[in-house]
Amino acid sequence: MQKTINGVANLVYRKIGVEQGYVDTLDLVEYWREDVQKLSHLIKGARLDEIRNLACQCFVNTVRIAQEYHIAFGPHYKAAVSSRTDSAGKDERLLAISAGLVAHTEELLAALGWYLHGVGAEPSQSIARSAVSIQNVLIELGEVLEFDFSTSLIEFISTESDNTHRRGPARISSLTTDQSLRLFHQIKNQSVCVFAKASTAWGITFSGTVGNDLEEWVDRTTRALDYLSRVTQFESVDALLCMFPGDIGETLPVLSEAARLFLGGILNNDPGNEGRLDNVHERNWRFRISGMTYFIQVFAPCYDSNNTRFTFGSDKVFIQFISESAFHRAVDRDRWQHPRNLIRESAALSGRPYDVHDREADTFVHNLRAKMPPVRWYEPR
């Protein structure tokens, strides 16, 4: 079963998204419950082709969700506990499949409701378990009704290639497919941070200028961080990457002012008012929004190849918000100092050393050279 389900999921990963584009999560949630309820109702006595198509649609939905939240199914397949009832009669098995499908879907959609809107109960764990349980139930459905699920799924994907969203053309989920993630790839791979290559992120691309478009930049980023602050506690989404026109990073003074206006604007939008910029001089100050602490990295064209914030030829400015949860996933809380020392040693050996500062805010925007005074980006020019 594990081999079958893993192969089917990998097939959908390749076809959905890479070739067809991901359905927006809000749209997906809107019609998923309707699909499952209809499938549950039709499982006994309906036309086999209708059941098969709905089952394939529900399986594809679990993979779309996994892509949105950077879920790797493999470990969860190994840990999955089967609730199969092979010894029972066909009708009894179908009844159990119908009930299980509804229950697991409601559990998953409840977690998504909290992620997307902050409503309902906070999930106790990643949604991967619910998604894998749904997949197991659907594959068992194929066995009971005697149709090959893998073959059916291949046919379904091919038929739906131009219409992955049954109620209209597929919409790209911008957070998971944003061009900023692709353009940042070289910077990420050249990072001296031992965790960077394996990290995951959502992305947003901005256009315009600080003078005309700052309010939109701040608003969109605040909403994305509010969303991420809930998700990153349970799913493997580590960071939010924002990409801006390069002219806001042509010189260090211009970059510093843009960072002050942008980051300060986000903190001013936080309803919890936890990381006020006017408290930045306090030693225990952290960039905190929607209950989550973030470490900020600013990369810009003004930095040369000797700087850890070098953009490797890109003319864009990147500001990355790395959640505290990401660091805790990578290393135990009480052992953080060891990997931090490894990162600093690696940076020094690469010729792009980190400057160590007592104040957290002084690490966000680097100076042009090592051992220069910290950049007080949070102070008005």
Protein backbone atom coordinates (compact mmCIF):
# COMPACT_ATOMS: atom_id res chain seq x y z
CA MET A 1 0.00 0.00 0.00
CA GLN A 2 2.75 2.45 0.94
CA LYS A 3 4.55 1.89 -2.37
CA THR A 4 1.33 2.31 -4.35
CA ILE A 5 0.20 5.48 -2.62
CA ASN A 6 3.66 7.06 -2.78
CA GLY A 7 3.90 6.39 -6.51
CA VAL A 8 0.46 7.83 -7.17
CA ALA A 9 1.17 10.96 -5.12
CA ASN A 10 4.46 11.53 -6.93
CA LEU A 11 2.65 11.22 -10.24
CA VAL A 12 0.18 13.93 -9.24
CA TYR A 13 3.02 16.15 -8.00
CA ARG A 14 4.59 16.01 -11.45
CA LYS A 15 1.40 16.58 -13.40
CA ILE A 16 -0.51 18.99 -11.17
CA GLY A 17 1.31 22.26 -10.60
CA VAL A 18 4.42 21.70 -12.70
CA GLU A 19 2.38 21.20 -15.86
CA GLN A 20 -1.04 22.60 -14.98
CA GLY A 21 -0.79 25.10 -12.13
CA TYR A 22 -2.13 24.91 -8.59
CA VAL A 23 -5.66 25.79 -7.65
CA ASP A 24 -5.89 28.62 -5.15
CA THR A 25 -6.33 27.18 -1.65
CA LEU A 26 -9.37 29.32 -0.89
CA ASP A 27 -11.10 28.01 -4.01
CA LEU A 28 -10.07 24.46 -3.18
CA VAL A 29 -11.57 24.59 0.30
CA GLU A 30 -14.81 26.03 -1.12
CA TYR A 31 -15.63 23.04 -3.29
CA TRP A 32 -13.73 20.16 -1.60
CA ARG A 33 -16.35 19.50 1.08
CA GLU A 34 -19.04 19.43 -1.61
CA ASP A 35 -17.07 16.87 -3.63
CA VAL A 36 -16.51 14.59 -0.63
CA GLN A 37 -20.12 14.72 0.50
CA LYS A 38 -21.27 13.88 -3.02
CA LEU A 39 -18.77 11.02 -3.31
CA SER A 40 -19.80 9.63 0.08
CA HIS A 41 -23.44 9.69 -0.98
CA LEU A 42 -22.75 8.00 -4.32
CA ILE A 43 -20.37 5.26 -3.14
CA LYS A 44 -23.15 2.66 -3.02
CA GLY A 45 -25.03 2.09 -6.26
CA ALA A 46 -23.81 5.00 -8.38
CA ARG A 47 -22.21 4.83 -11.80
CA LEU A 48 -18.64 3.64 -11.47
CA ASP A 49 -17.20 6.32 -13.77
CA GLU A 50 -18.76 9.09 -11.66
CA ILE A 51 -17.36 7.60 -8.45
CA ARG A 52 -13.95 7.14 -10.04
CA ASN A 53 -13.73 10.74 -11.23
CA LEU A 54 -14.77 12.18 -7.88
CA ALA A 55 -12.31 9.93 -6.05
CA CYS A 56 -9.49 11.08 -8.35
CA GLN A 57 -10.49 14.71 -7.81
CA CYS A 58 -10.33 14.28 -4.04
CA PHE A 59 -6.89 12.61 -4.26
CA VAL A 60 -5.57 15.44 -6.45
CA ASN A 61 -6.85 17.92 -3.85
CA THR A 62 -4.73 16.31 -1.13
CA VAL A 63 -1.61 16.72 -3.28
CA ARG A 64 -2.42 20.34 -4.07
CA ILE A 65 -2.68 21.02 -0.37
CA ALA A 66 0.62 19.25 0.25
CA GLN A 67 2.35 21.46 -2.32
CA GLU A 68 0.92 24.63 -0.80
CA TYR A 69 2.31 23.74 2.62
CA HIS A 70 5.53 22.00 1.52
CA ILE A 71 4.41 18.66 2.95
CA ALA A 72 6.58 15.64 2.19
CA PHE A 73 4.25 12.64 2.33
CA GLY A 74 6.93 9.94 2.56
CA PRO A 75 7.47 9.85 6.36
CA HIS A 76 3.73 10.04 6.94
CA TYR A 77 3.05 7.04 4.71
CA LYS A 78 5.43 4.97 6.83
CA ALA A 79 3.75 6.11 10.03
CA ALA A 80 0.18 5.71 8.75
CA VAL A 81 -1.99 3.27 10.67
CA SER A 82 -4.38 1.38 8.41
CA SER A 83 -8.05 1.13 9.36
CA ARG A 84 -8.84 -1.29 6.54
CA THR A 85 -11.61 -3.83 7.04
CA ASP A 86 -10.61 -6.48 4.47
CA SER A 87 -12.38 -9.24 6.35
CA ALA A 88 -15.70 -7.41 6.23
CA GLY A 89 -18.26 -7.71 3.44
CA LYS A 90 -18.37 -5.29 0.52
CA ASP A 91 -21.29 -3.23 1.84
CA GLU A 92 -19.72 -2.94 5.28
CA ARG A 93 -16.39 -1.86 3.80
CA LEU A 94 -18.09 0.75 1.61
CA LEU A 95 -19.92 2.10 4.63
CA ALA A 96 -16.64 2.37 6.57
CA ILE A 97 -14.94 4.02 3.58
CA SER A 98 -17.74 6.58 3.27
CA ALA A 99 -17.61 7.46 6.98
CA GLY A 100 -13.81 7.62 7.03
CA LEU A 101 -13.65 9.84 3.96
CA VAL A 102 -16.02 12.39 5.49
CA ALA A 103 -14.36 12.33 8.92
CA HIS A 104 -10.79 12.77 7.63
CA THR A 105 -11.85 15.49 5.21
CA GLU A 106 -13.65 17.46 7.91
CA GLU A 107 -10.57 17.17 10.12
CA LEU A 108 -8.34 18.50 7.32
CA LEU A 109 -10.70 21.31 6.32
CA ALA A 110 -11.02 22.40 9.95
CA ALA A 111 -7.23 22.81 10.11
CA LEU A 112 -7.26 24.75 6.84
CA GLY A 113 -9.95 27.02 8.25
CA TRP A 114 -7.62 27.92 11.10
CA TYR A 115 -4.65 28.41 8.76
CA LEU A 116 -6.53 30.60 6.31
CA HIS A 117 -8.77 32.61 8.61
CA GLY A 118 -7.72 31.93 12.21
CA VAL A 119 -11.17 30.51 12.99
CA GLY A 120 -12.03 27.37 14.90
CA ALA A 121 -9.67 25.27 16.97
CA GLU A 122 -5.90 25.33 16.51
CA PRO A 123 -4.77 22.02 14.95
CA SER A 124 -2.77 19.68 17.12
CA GLN A 125 -0.41 18.60 14.31
CA SER A 126 0.36 18.83 10.60
CA ILE A 127 -2.48 18.17 8.16
CA ALA A 128 -0.36 15.45 6.52
CA ARG A 129 -1.94 12.71 8.62
CA SER A 130 -5.45 13.67 7.51
CA ALA A 131 -4.35 13.92 3.86
CA VAL A 132 -2.67 10.50 3.94
CA SER A 133 -5.74 8.98 5.61
CA ILE A 134 -7.93 10.37 2.82
CA GLN A 135 -5.58 8.91 0.20
CA ASN A 136 -5.63 5.49 1.88
CA VAL A 137 -9.42 5.48 1.95
CA LEU A 138 -9.65 6.43 -1.74
CA ILE A 139 -7.23 3.68 -2.81
CA GLU A 140 -9.19 1.17 -0.73
CA LEU A 141 -12.34 2.37 -2.50
CA GLY A 142 -10.74 1.41 -5.80
CA GLU A 143 -9.93 -2.03 -4.46
CA VAL A 144 -13.46 -2.67 -3.19
CA LEU A 145 -15.10 -1.46 -6.41
CA GLU A 146 -12.45 -3.26 -8.47
CA PHE A 147 -10.91 -0.42 -10.44
CA ASP A 148 -7.20 0.36 -10.61
CA PHE A 149 -6.75 3.69 -8.86
CA SER A 150 -3.37 4.53 -10.40
CA THR A 151 -4.63 3.98 -13.95
CA SER A 152 -7.80 5.94 -13.23
CA LEU A 153 -5.79 8.84 -11.85
CA ILE A 154 -3.56 8.97 -14.93
CA GLU A 155 -6.64 9.08 -17.16
CA PHE A 156 -8.26 11.72 -14.95
CA ILE A 157 -5.24 14.02 -15.02
CA SER A 158 -4.96 13.71 -18.79
CA THR A 159 -8.66 14.49 -19.26
CA GLU A 160 -8.51 17.43 -16.86
CA SER A 161 -5.26 18.87 -18.24
CA ASP A 162 -6.90 22.09 -19.40
CA ASN A 163 -9.42 22.35 -16.59
CA THR A 164 -7.85 21.37 -13.26
CA HIS A 165 -10.38 23.51 -11.41
CA ARG A 166 -13.78 21.98 -12.20
CA ARG A 167 -15.53 25.31 -11.77
CA GLY A 168 -13.22 27.28 -14.01
CA PRO A 169 -9.61 27.48 -15.22
CA ALA A 170 -6.91 26.69 -12.68
CA ARG A 171 -5.51 29.68 -10.86
CA ILE A 172 -1.86 29.77 -9.90
CA SER A 173 -1.29 29.80 -6.15
CA SER A 174 1.06 32.77 -6.10
CA LEU A 175 2.64 32.07 -2.72
CA THR A 176 4.02 28.71 -3.82
CA THR A 177 4.85 29.50 -7.44
CA ASP A 178 5.90 33.14 -7.28
CA GLN A 179 8.84 34.06 -9.53
CA SER A 180 10.77 35.45 -6.55
CA LEU A 181 11.40 31.88 -5.36
CA ARG A 182 13.03 30.93 -8.65
CA LEU A 183 15.11 34.12 -8.87
CA PHE A 184 16.28 33.72 -5.27
CA HIS A 185 17.39 30.13 -5.89
CA GLN A 186 21.04 30.96 -6.67
CA ILE A 187 21.36 33.17 -3.60
CA LYS A 188 19.85 30.42 -1.46
CA ASN A 189 22.19 27.76 -2.85
CA GLN A 190 25.26 29.93 -2.30
CA SER A 191 24.30 30.76 1.29
CA VAL A 192 26.80 30.03 4.04
CA CYS A 193 23.90 29.03 6.30
CA VAL A 194 23.87 25.26 6.85
CA PHE A 195 20.06 25.24 6.85
CA ALA A 196 19.39 27.44 3.80
CA LYS A 197 19.36 24.82 1.02
CA ALA A 198 16.74 22.67 2.72
CA SER A 199 14.52 25.58 3.77
CA THR A 200 11.12 26.25 2.22
CA ALA A 201 9.39 29.55 1.54
CA TRP A 202 6.41 31.34 0.10
CA GLY A 203 7.05 34.27 -2.21
CA ILE A 204 5.59 37.64 -3.21
CA THR A 205 6.83 39.88 -6.03
CA PHE A 206 6.29 43.63 -5.78
CA SER A 207 6.57 46.32 -8.42
CA GLY A 208 6.45 50.11 -8.24
CA THR A 209 8.20 52.50 -5.87
CA VAL A 210 8.39 53.18 -2.16
CA GLY A 211 6.74 56.56 -2.70
CA ASN A 212 3.73 55.23 -4.57
CA ASP A 213 3.31 51.62 -3.54
CA LEU A 214 4.53 51.25 0.05
CA GLU A 215 1.02 50.91 1.45
CA GLU A 216 0.25 47.97 -0.85
CA TRP A 217 3.61 46.33 -0.08
CA VAL A 218 2.99 46.60 3.65
CA ASP A 219 -0.62 45.42 3.46
CA ARG A 220 0.08 42.32 1.35
CA THR A 221 3.10 41.34 3.41
CA THR A 222 1.28 41.81 6.71
CA ARG A 223 -1.53 39.53 5.54
CA ALA A 224 0.93 36.93 4.27
CA LEU A 225 2.86 36.98 7.56
CA ASP A 226 -0.35 36.64 9.54
CA TYR A 227 -1.14 33.53 7.47
CA LEU A 228 2.41 32.18 7.76
CA SER A 229 2.48 32.75 11.52
CA ARG A 230 -0.29 30.18 11.92
CA VAL A 231 0.96 27.73 9.30
CA THR A 232 4.67 27.62 10.20
CA GLN A 233 3.94 26.22 13.65
CA PHE A 234 2.61 22.98 12.14
CA GLU A 235 3.73 22.76 8.50
CA SER A 236 7.16 22.92 6.88
CA VAL A 237 6.86 26.45 5.53
CA ASP A 238 9.87 28.26 6.95
CA ALA A 239 9.86 31.74 5.49
CA LEU A 240 8.24 34.48 3.42
CA LEU A 241 10.36 35.94 0.62
CA CYS A 242 9.51 39.40 -0.77
CA MET A 243 11.12 40.63 -3.99
CA PHE A 244 11.30 44.34 -4.91
CA PRO A 245 12.62 46.47 -7.77
CA GLY A 246 16.40 46.87 -7.48
CA ASP A 247 16.38 50.66 -7.31
CA ILE A 248 15.43 50.55 -3.62
CA GLY A 249 18.75 48.79 -3.00
CA GLU A 250 21.19 50.60 -5.27
CA THR A 251 22.84 52.31 -2.30
CA LEU A 252 22.94 51.43 1.38
CA PRO A 253 21.23 54.68 2.55
CA VAL A 254 18.32 54.16 0.12
CA LEU A 255 18.04 50.51 1.17
CA SER A 256 18.06 51.41 4.86
CA GLU A 257 15.27 53.94 4.46
CA ALA A 258 13.17 51.52 2.42
CA ALA A 259 13.67 48.84 5.10
CA ARG A 260 12.61 51.28 7.83
CA LEU A 261 9.42 52.27 6.04
CA PHE A 262 8.53 48.73 4.97
CA LEU A 263 9.37 46.81 8.16
CA GLY A 264 8.10 49.59 10.40
CA GLY A 265 4.85 49.70 8.46
CA ILE A 266 4.33 45.96 8.95
CA LEU A 267 4.90 46.22 12.70
CA ASN A 268 2.48 49.13 12.90
CA ASN A 269 -0.16 46.91 11.26
CA ASP A 270 0.20 44.16 13.86
CA PRO A 271 -2.97 44.11 15.98
CA GLY A 272 -1.00 42.61 18.86
CA ASN A 273 1.51 45.47 18.74
CA GLU A 274 4.21 43.05 19.93
CA GLY A 275 7.31 44.29 18.09
CA ARG A 276 6.95 48.04 17.98
CA LEU A 277 9.78 49.69 16.10
CA ASP A 278 10.12 52.42 18.69
CA ASN A 279 11.25 49.72 21.15
CA VAL A 280 14.01 48.51 18.82
CA HIS A 281 16.82 49.78 21.07
CA GLU A 282 15.85 47.34 23.83
CA ARG A 283 18.24 44.36 23.99
CA ASN A 284 15.39 41.82 24.01
CA TRP A 285 13.57 43.38 21.04
CA ARG A 286 12.51 40.96 18.29
CA PHE A 287 10.60 41.40 15.04
CA ARG A 288 7.32 39.83 16.12
CA ILE A 289 3.97 39.83 14.36
CA SER A 290 0.81 37.74 14.78
CA GLY A 291 2.38 35.87 17.68
CA MET A 292 5.46 34.71 15.72
CA THR A 293 9.06 35.96 15.90
CA TYR A 294 10.94 36.43 12.60
CA PHE A 295 14.57 36.86 11.66
CA ILE A 296 15.01 39.27 8.73
CA GLN A 297 17.55 39.03 5.91
CA VAL A 298 17.93 41.86 3.37
CA PHE A 299 19.75 41.15 0.07
CA ALA A 300 20.42 43.98 -2.39
CA PRO A 301 22.51 45.01 -5.44
CA CYS A 302 24.53 47.42 -3.31
CA TYR A 303 26.39 44.48 -1.74
CA ASP A 304 29.44 43.00 -3.46
CA SER A 305 30.66 39.40 -3.58
CA ASN A 306 32.42 39.74 -0.22
CA ASN A 307 29.12 40.26 1.58
CA THR A 308 26.74 37.55 2.81
CA ARG A 309 23.87 39.63 1.37
CA PHE A 310 25.31 39.57 -2.17
CA THR A 311 22.66 38.90 -4.86
CA PHE A 312 24.94 37.05 -7.34
CA GLY A 313 24.12 39.27 -10.29
CA SER A 314 20.41 39.74 -9.61
CA ASP A 315 19.23 43.35 -9.86
CA LYS A 316 16.41 42.75 -7.37
CA VAL A 317 16.09 43.41 -3.65
CA PHE A 318 14.99 40.44 -1.53
CA ILE A 319 13.71 40.66 2.04
CA GLN A 320 13.23 37.29 3.71
CA PHE A 321 11.27 36.69 6.91
CA ILE A 322 12.40 33.44 8.56
CA SER A 323 10.12 32.16 11.30
CA GLU A 324 11.35 31.13 14.71
CA SER A 325 9.55 27.82 14.16
CA ALA A 326 11.86 27.11 11.21
CA PHE A 327 14.91 27.30 13.45
CA HIS A 328 13.27 25.05 16.03
CA ARG A 329 12.49 22.48 13.33
CA ALA A 330 16.13 22.50 12.26
CA VAL A 331 17.71 22.14 15.69
CA ASP A 332 16.68 21.67 19.31
CA ARG A 333 16.08 24.91 21.17
CA ASP A 334 18.72 24.15 23.79
CA ARG A 335 21.39 23.31 21.17
CA TRP A 336 21.04 26.37 18.91
CA GLN A 337 24.41 27.90 19.78
CA HIS A 338 26.36 25.06 18.12
CA PRO A 339 24.87 25.42 14.60
CA ARG A 340 25.03 29.21 14.97
CA ASN A 341 28.78 28.91 15.54
CA LEU A 342 29.06 26.58 12.52
CA ILE A 343 27.31 29.14 10.33
CA ARG A 344 29.64 31.90 11.48
CA GLU A 345 32.72 29.73 10.89
CA SER A 346 31.47 28.77 7.42
CA ALA A 347 30.86 32.42 6.59
CA ALA A 348 34.36 33.40 7.68
CA LEU A 349 35.93 30.62 5.58
CA SER A 350 33.90 31.67 2.52
CA GLY A 351 35.32 35.19 2.64
CA ARG A 352 31.89 36.60 3.46
CA PRO A 353 31.97 36.82 7.27
CA TYR A 354 29.03 37.69 9.46
CA ASP A 355 29.29 40.62 11.80
CA VAL A 356 28.01 39.75 15.26
CA HIS A 357 25.95 42.43 16.99
CA ASP A 358 24.32 42.46 20.40
CA ARG A 359 21.12 44.03 19.12
CA GLU A 360 18.93 41.76 16.96
CA ALA A 361 17.79 44.58 14.68
CA ASP A 362 21.39 45.37 13.73
CA THR A 363 21.67 42.01 11.94
CA PHE A 364 18.85 42.68 9.46
CA VAL A 365 20.53 45.16 7.10
CA HIS A 366 24.27 44.57 6.79
CA ASN A 367 26.90 47.19 6.27
CA LEU A 368 28.91 47.11 3.06
CA ARG A 369 32.01 45.67 4.72
CA ALA A 370 32.67 43.43 7.69
CA LYS A 371 33.68 45.08 10.97
CA MET A 372 32.00 48.36 9.99
CA PRO A 373 29.48 49.91 12.42
CA PRO A 374 25.99 48.36 12.40
CA VAL A 375 23.41 49.87 10.05
CA ARG A 376 20.80 51.75 12.07
CA TRP A 377 18.14 51.22 9.42
CA TYR A 378 15.39 51.77 12.00
CA GLU A 379 16.46 55.40 12.58
CA PRO A 380 15.03 58.07 10.22
CA ARG A 381 17.56 59.63 7.87
